Amino acid sequence: MGARFLFSLLVLLAQIPTALAAPFVTPAWRLDAVTGVDALPGNFRVLPALAVSGSGQPTLEGLRPLAARLRAVAGNRRIYIIDLRQESHGYLLTMAGQAYAVSWHTAMNAANRGRDAAAVQQDEQQRLAAAVSTEVTASPMGRFDLASGMRPVTFRAAAYETEAQAAAAAGLIPVRIAATDMRWPEPAAIDAFLAAYDALPPDAWLHFHCQAGMGRTTTFLVLTELLRHPELPLSDALSHQLAAGGADLRLRPEIMAGLSLFSQYARERRAGAPRWSEWLARHDG
């Protein structure tokens, strides 16, 4: 059984929970972060040797403290905040100026599966704009959400702001990669990441985040380490991220299968390998 076949089988099996759950989940606004907190986002960690960092979703108030902390460790480097969330999300504000970090949530958090960053941002803008002047209820939905002490809130939205707008105002350079939650990223998402990575200046610092700051964030931190050190064994990169406070991806078979293939791709890439999606399509393991 080739590695490519096994990977395809794991991807197919991973889609089953979403298909089974979809008819029973009502789409709703999810509360993404503790409102009003101007501290660093959850699961924040820094890996100075790689010039990277990661975290969960920052609040609107927390973007400036995040930018200040990153400037303290990055020095004069240009800081890119890489939003890995494929789900539509942003900030809804009340007349009193209270800002809520929210996202549009469906079964397995997969409402935008198959969409690229441009399509996600268009949907995001439309949903946030449509929420203005309406009463919104946003609820915590994940175990990290509940553990942080978040509770459902109901408020009247008076305005909205996208993360890209808020990040730029805080002095960060926003990049959006549409990576599906709880899954190995779709080939187009990794292609988009590699295109952005190849265009980075030598002095770039990369800050990755997803919703909780664990699965997707850890995955892309591992991808970055493999790109920067293609000769590094995958097990070492996984250990580095786990020690820094990331997720234990060894417990995620689909993601491990993808990382094993990407580790091989990263070694071949310096010799002129094609785009990830092209390499993956013709790779027979």
Protein backbone atom coordinates (compact mmCIF):
# COMPACT_ATOMS: atom_id res chain seq x y z
CA MET A 1 0.00 0.00 0.00
CA GLY A 2 1.58 3.28 -1.14
CA ALA A 3 1.84 6.34 1.07
CA ARG A 4 -0.32 8.33 -1.34
CA PHE A 5 -3.12 5.71 -1.23
CA LEU A 6 -3.01 5.57 2.56
CA PHE A 7 -3.11 9.36 2.76
CA SER A 8 -6.13 9.51 0.40
CA LEU A 9 -7.93 6.87 2.47
CA LEU A 10 -7.34 8.78 5.71
CA VAL A 11 -8.60 12.00 4.11
CA LEU A 12 -11.77 10.20 2.98
CA LEU A 13 -12.37 8.68 6.42
CA ALA A 14 -11.90 12.08 8.06
CA GLN A 15 -14.84 13.46 6.08
CA ILE A 16 -17.33 10.97 7.55
CA PRO A 17 -17.98 12.77 10.89
CA THR A 18 -18.80 16.02 9.07
CA ALA A 19 -21.23 14.29 6.72
CA LEU A 20 -23.00 12.54 9.61
CA ALA A 21 -23.19 15.64 11.82
CA ALA A 22 -24.19 18.22 9.21
CA PRO A 23 -27.99 17.59 9.23
CA PHE A 24 -28.11 18.02 13.03
CA VAL A 25 -26.07 21.20 13.49
CA THR A 26 -27.71 24.62 13.14
CA PRO A 27 -25.30 27.29 11.81
CA ALA A 28 -24.68 29.97 14.42
CA TRP A 29 -22.25 32.62 15.60
CA ARG A 30 -19.46 31.23 17.74
CA LEU A 31 -17.76 33.30 20.42
CA ASP A 32 -14.05 32.87 19.68
CA ALA A 33 -12.22 34.57 22.53
CA VAL A 34 -12.78 36.07 25.96
CA THR A 35 -14.30 39.47 25.26
CA GLY A 36 -12.57 42.61 26.45
CA VAL A 37 -9.26 40.91 27.22
CA ASP A 38 -6.27 42.99 26.11
CA ALA A 39 -3.71 40.31 27.01
CA LEU A 40 -1.91 37.89 24.71
CA PRO A 41 -4.15 35.30 23.02
CA GLY A 42 -4.41 31.78 24.37
CA ASN A 43 -1.75 29.17 23.67
CA PHE A 44 0.78 31.86 22.77
CA ARG A 45 4.32 30.59 22.22
CA VAL A 46 7.50 31.81 20.56
CA LEU A 47 10.25 29.89 18.75
CA PRO A 48 13.00 32.49 18.27
CA ALA A 49 15.39 30.17 16.41
CA LEU A 50 12.80 29.79 13.64
CA ALA A 51 11.56 33.41 13.80
CA VAL A 52 8.02 32.14 14.30
CA SER A 53 5.30 32.21 16.93
CA GLY A 54 1.78 30.90 17.32
CA SER A 55 -1.43 31.43 19.27
CA GLY A 56 -5.17 31.20 19.36
CA GLN A 57 -7.54 33.87 18.06
CA PRO A 58 -6.64 37.34 19.36
CA THR A 59 -9.36 39.68 20.57
CA LEU A 60 -9.62 43.11 18.97
CA GLU A 61 -8.21 44.64 22.16
CA GLY A 62 -5.47 42.00 22.24
CA LEU A 63 -3.99 42.70 18.80
CA ARG A 64 -1.91 45.66 19.97
CA PRO A 65 -0.41 43.81 22.99
CA LEU A 66 0.29 40.91 20.63
CA ALA A 67 2.03 43.23 18.17
CA ALA A 68 4.07 44.78 21.00
CA ARG A 69 5.15 41.35 22.29
CA LEU A 70 6.12 40.21 18.81
CA ARG A 71 8.12 43.39 18.19
CA ALA A 72 9.98 42.74 21.44
CA VAL A 73 11.14 39.32 20.21
CA ALA A 74 11.34 40.04 16.47
CA GLY A 75 13.34 43.26 16.72
CA ASN A 76 13.46 45.00 13.36
CA ARG A 77 11.95 42.09 11.45
CA ARG A 78 8.74 42.59 9.50
CA ILE A 79 5.96 40.75 11.32
CA TYR A 80 3.39 38.78 9.33
CA ILE A 81 0.26 37.53 11.08
CA ILE A 82 -0.94 34.44 9.24
CA ASP A 83 -4.62 33.80 9.85
CA LEU A 84 -5.17 30.09 9.14
CA ARG A 85 -8.92 30.09 9.66
CA GLN A 86 -11.05 28.90 6.76
CA GLU A 87 -14.20 29.72 8.70
CA SER A 88 -15.62 33.23 8.29
CA HIS A 89 -14.75 35.32 11.34
CA GLY A 90 -14.11 38.85 12.55
CA TYR A 91 -15.12 41.39 15.18
CA LEU A 92 -18.63 42.68 15.87
CA LEU A 93 -18.83 45.93 17.86
CA THR A 94 -21.63 47.40 19.97
CA MET A 95 -22.57 51.08 20.20
CA ALA A 96 -20.65 51.19 23.50
CA GLY A 97 -17.49 50.00 21.75
CA GLN A 98 -17.50 46.45 23.10
CA ALA A 99 -15.86 44.15 20.54
CA TYR A 100 -16.73 40.47 20.19
CA ALA A 101 -14.49 38.04 18.29
CA VAL A 102 -16.94 35.76 16.47
CA SER A 103 -17.03 33.19 13.68
CA TRP A 104 -19.74 31.51 11.64
CA HIS A 105 -19.93 27.92 12.88
CA THR A 106 -21.46 24.79 11.32
CA ALA A 107 -20.89 21.03 11.67
CA MET A 108 -17.21 20.28 12.38
CA ASN A 109 -16.50 23.97 11.72
CA ALA A 110 -16.46 23.22 8.00
CA ALA A 111 -18.85 25.80 6.49
CA ASN A 112 -16.25 27.04 4.00
CA ARG A 113 -14.60 23.74 3.13
CA GLY A 114 -13.26 23.87 -0.42
CA ARG A 115 -13.11 27.67 -0.54
CA ASP A 116 -9.89 29.60 -0.97
CA ALA A 117 -8.92 32.66 1.07
CA ALA A 118 -10.47 35.14 -1.37
CA ALA A 119 -13.85 33.36 -1.31
CA VAL A 120 -13.71 33.04 2.47
CA GLN A 121 -12.98 36.74 2.92
CA GLN A 122 -15.88 37.65 0.64
CA ASP A 123 -18.27 35.45 2.64
CA GLU A 124 -16.81 36.81 5.87
CA GLN A 125 -17.37 40.42 4.86
CA GLN A 126 -20.95 39.70 3.81
CA ARG A 127 -21.83 37.87 7.03
CA LEU A 128 -20.30 40.49 9.30
CA ALA A 129 -22.00 43.31 7.39
CA ALA A 130 -25.35 41.50 7.52
CA ALA A 131 -25.06 41.17 11.31
CA VAL A 132 -24.84 44.95 11.80
CA SER A 133 -28.06 46.44 13.22
CA THR A 134 -29.27 43.00 14.32
CA GLU A 135 -29.34 41.19 17.65
CA VAL A 136 -26.58 38.58 17.74
CA THR A 137 -26.14 35.65 20.10
CA ALA A 138 -22.63 34.17 20.13
CA SER A 139 -21.77 31.05 22.12
CA PRO A 140 -18.54 29.22 22.99
CA MET A 141 -18.49 25.82 21.28
CA GLY A 142 -15.16 24.07 21.77
CA ARG A 143 -13.49 22.56 24.83
CA PHE A 144 -10.85 25.29 24.83
CA ASP A 145 -13.64 27.90 24.65
CA LEU A 146 -15.43 26.46 27.68
CA ALA A 147 -12.22 25.94 29.65
CA SER A 148 -11.38 29.63 29.23
CA GLY A 149 -14.56 30.62 31.05
CA MET A 150 -16.46 32.03 28.07
CA ARG A 151 -20.25 32.19 28.29
CA PRO A 152 -22.91 32.92 25.65
CA VAL A 153 -23.57 36.61 24.97
CA THR A 154 -26.39 38.47 23.24
CA PHE A 155 -25.83 41.98 21.92
CA ARG A 156 -26.87 44.38 19.17
CA ALA A 157 -24.12 44.78 16.58
CA ALA A 158 -23.46 48.38 15.51
CA ALA A 159 -20.35 47.89 13.38
CA TYR A 160 -17.79 45.30 12.36
CA GLU A 161 -14.09 45.03 11.63
CA THR A 162 -12.19 42.28 9.87
CA GLU A 163 -9.07 40.83 11.41
CA ALA A 164 -7.01 41.97 8.42
CA GLN A 165 -8.11 45.57 9.02
CA ALA A 166 -7.41 45.40 12.75
CA ALA A 167 -4.05 43.65 12.30
CA ALA A 168 -2.86 46.22 9.78
CA ALA A 169 -3.89 49.01 12.16
CA ALA A 170 -1.73 47.35 14.84
CA GLY A 171 1.29 47.40 12.52
CA LEU A 172 1.18 43.75 11.45
CA ILE A 173 1.15 42.43 7.88
CA PRO A 174 -1.92 40.20 7.44
CA VAL A 175 -1.90 37.01 5.35
CA ARG A 176 -4.90 34.68 5.04
CA ILE A 177 -4.58 30.94 4.42
CA ALA A 178 -7.87 29.00 4.29
CA ALA A 179 -7.09 25.83 6.27
CA THR A 180 -9.98 23.59 7.33
CA ASP A 181 -10.33 22.99 11.06
CA MET A 182 -9.48 19.54 12.49
CA ARG A 183 -8.14 18.33 9.13
CA TRP A 184 -4.97 18.13 7.11
CA PRO A 185 -4.98 21.30 4.95
CA GLU A 186 -6.37 21.03 1.44
CA PRO A 187 -3.71 21.06 -1.32
CA ALA A 188 -4.76 24.55 -2.44
CA ALA A 189 -4.20 25.89 1.09
CA ILE A 190 -0.65 24.55 1.20
CA ASP A 191 0.00 25.87 -2.31
CA ALA A 192 -1.16 29.31 -1.13
CA PHE A 193 1.05 29.09 1.95
CA LEU A 194 4.10 28.11 -0.11
CA ALA A 195 3.48 30.98 -2.54
CA ALA A 196 3.32 33.41 0.40
CA TYR A 197 6.37 31.80 2.03
CA ASP A 198 8.45 32.08 -1.14
CA ALA A 199 7.58 35.79 -1.41
CA LEU A 200 8.69 36.63 2.13
CA PRO A 201 11.61 38.99 2.69
CA PRO A 202 14.65 37.55 4.51
CA ASP A 203 13.77 39.49 7.68
CA ALA A 204 10.23 38.12 8.05
CA TRP A 205 8.81 36.97 11.37
CA LEU A 206 5.75 34.72 11.06
CA HIS A 207 2.97 34.58 13.65
CA PHE A 208 0.45 31.82 12.96
CA HIS A 209 -2.95 31.53 14.56
CA CYS A 210 -6.15 29.53 14.21
CA GLN A 211 -9.09 29.47 16.61
CA ALA A 212 -7.59 27.68 19.61
CA GLY A 213 -3.97 27.96 18.50
CA MET A 214 -3.36 24.21 18.52
CA GLY A 215 -4.12 21.95 15.53
CA ARG A 216 -3.77 24.19 12.48
CA THR A 217 -1.24 26.47 14.13
CA THR A 218 0.99 23.57 15.15
CA THR A 219 0.65 21.99 11.71
CA PHE A 220 1.84 25.12 9.91
CA LEU A 221 4.63 25.69 12.41
CA VAL A 222 5.85 22.17 11.59
CA LEU A 223 5.56 22.90 7.86
CA THR A 224 7.64 26.03 8.33
CA GLU A 225 10.34 24.20 10.25
CA LEU A 226 10.50 21.51 7.55
CA LEU A 227 10.83 24.19 4.86
CA ARG A 228 13.64 25.92 6.73
CA HIS A 229 15.40 22.68 7.66
CA PRO A 230 14.45 20.04 5.04
CA GLU A 231 17.04 17.59 6.38
CA LEU A 232 15.43 17.61 9.84
CA PRO A 233 13.60 14.39 10.76
CA LEU A 234 9.86 14.95 11.08
CA SER A 235 9.97 13.49 14.58
CA ASP A 236 12.32 16.28 15.67
CA ALA A 237 10.08 19.01 14.28
CA LEU A 238 7.07 17.46 16.04
CA SER A 239 8.99 17.29 19.31
CA HIS A 240 10.08 20.93 19.01
CA GLN A 241 6.50 22.11 18.57
CA LEU A 242 5.16 19.93 21.37
CA ALA A 243 7.83 21.23 23.75
CA ALA A 244 6.91 24.80 22.81
CA GLY A 245 3.28 24.23 23.83
CA GLY A 246 1.74 23.04 20.57
CA ALA A 247 -0.55 20.10 19.85
CA ASP A 248 0.68 16.51 19.81
CA LEU A 249 0.11 15.85 16.13
CA ARG A 250 1.30 12.26 16.52
CA LEU A 251 -2.22 11.54 17.78
CA ARG A 252 -3.80 12.72 14.50
CA PRO A 253 -3.38 9.99 11.81
CA GLU A 254 -4.56 12.07 8.86
CA ILE A 255 -2.29 14.99 9.75
CA MET A 256 0.66 12.66 10.39
CA ALA A 257 0.19 11.04 6.98
CA GLY A 258 0.17 14.49 5.35
CA LEU A 259 3.23 15.63 7.30
CA SER A 260 5.14 12.51 6.31
CA LEU A 261 4.52 13.27 2.65
CA PHE A 262 5.32 16.95 3.11
CA SER A 263 8.61 16.08 4.82
CA GLN A 264 9.62 14.19 1.68
CA TYR A 265 8.38 17.04 -0.51
CA ALA A 266 10.40 19.60 1.48
CA ARG A 267 13.58 17.61 0.85
CA GLU A 268 12.86 17.43 -2.87
CA ARG A 269 11.71 21.03 -3.15
CA ARG A 270 15.20 22.51 -3.06
CA ALA A 271 15.98 20.52 -6.18
CA GLY A 272 13.12 22.18 -8.03
CA ALA A 273 10.05 20.13 -7.12
CA PRO A 274 6.73 21.42 -8.52
CA ARG A 275 3.89 22.90 -6.52
CA TRP A 276 2.70 20.77 -3.62
CA SER A 277 -0.63 19.95 -5.30
CA GLU A 278 1.14 18.83 -8.49
CA TRP A 279 3.69 16.77 -6.58
CA LEU A 280 0.95 15.18 -4.49
CA ALA A 281 -1.20 14.32 -7.51
CA ARG A 282 1.53 12.33 -9.21
CA HIS A 283 3.25 10.91 -6.15
CA ASP A 284 2.62 7.19 -5.90
CA GLY A 285 4.41 6.59 -2.57
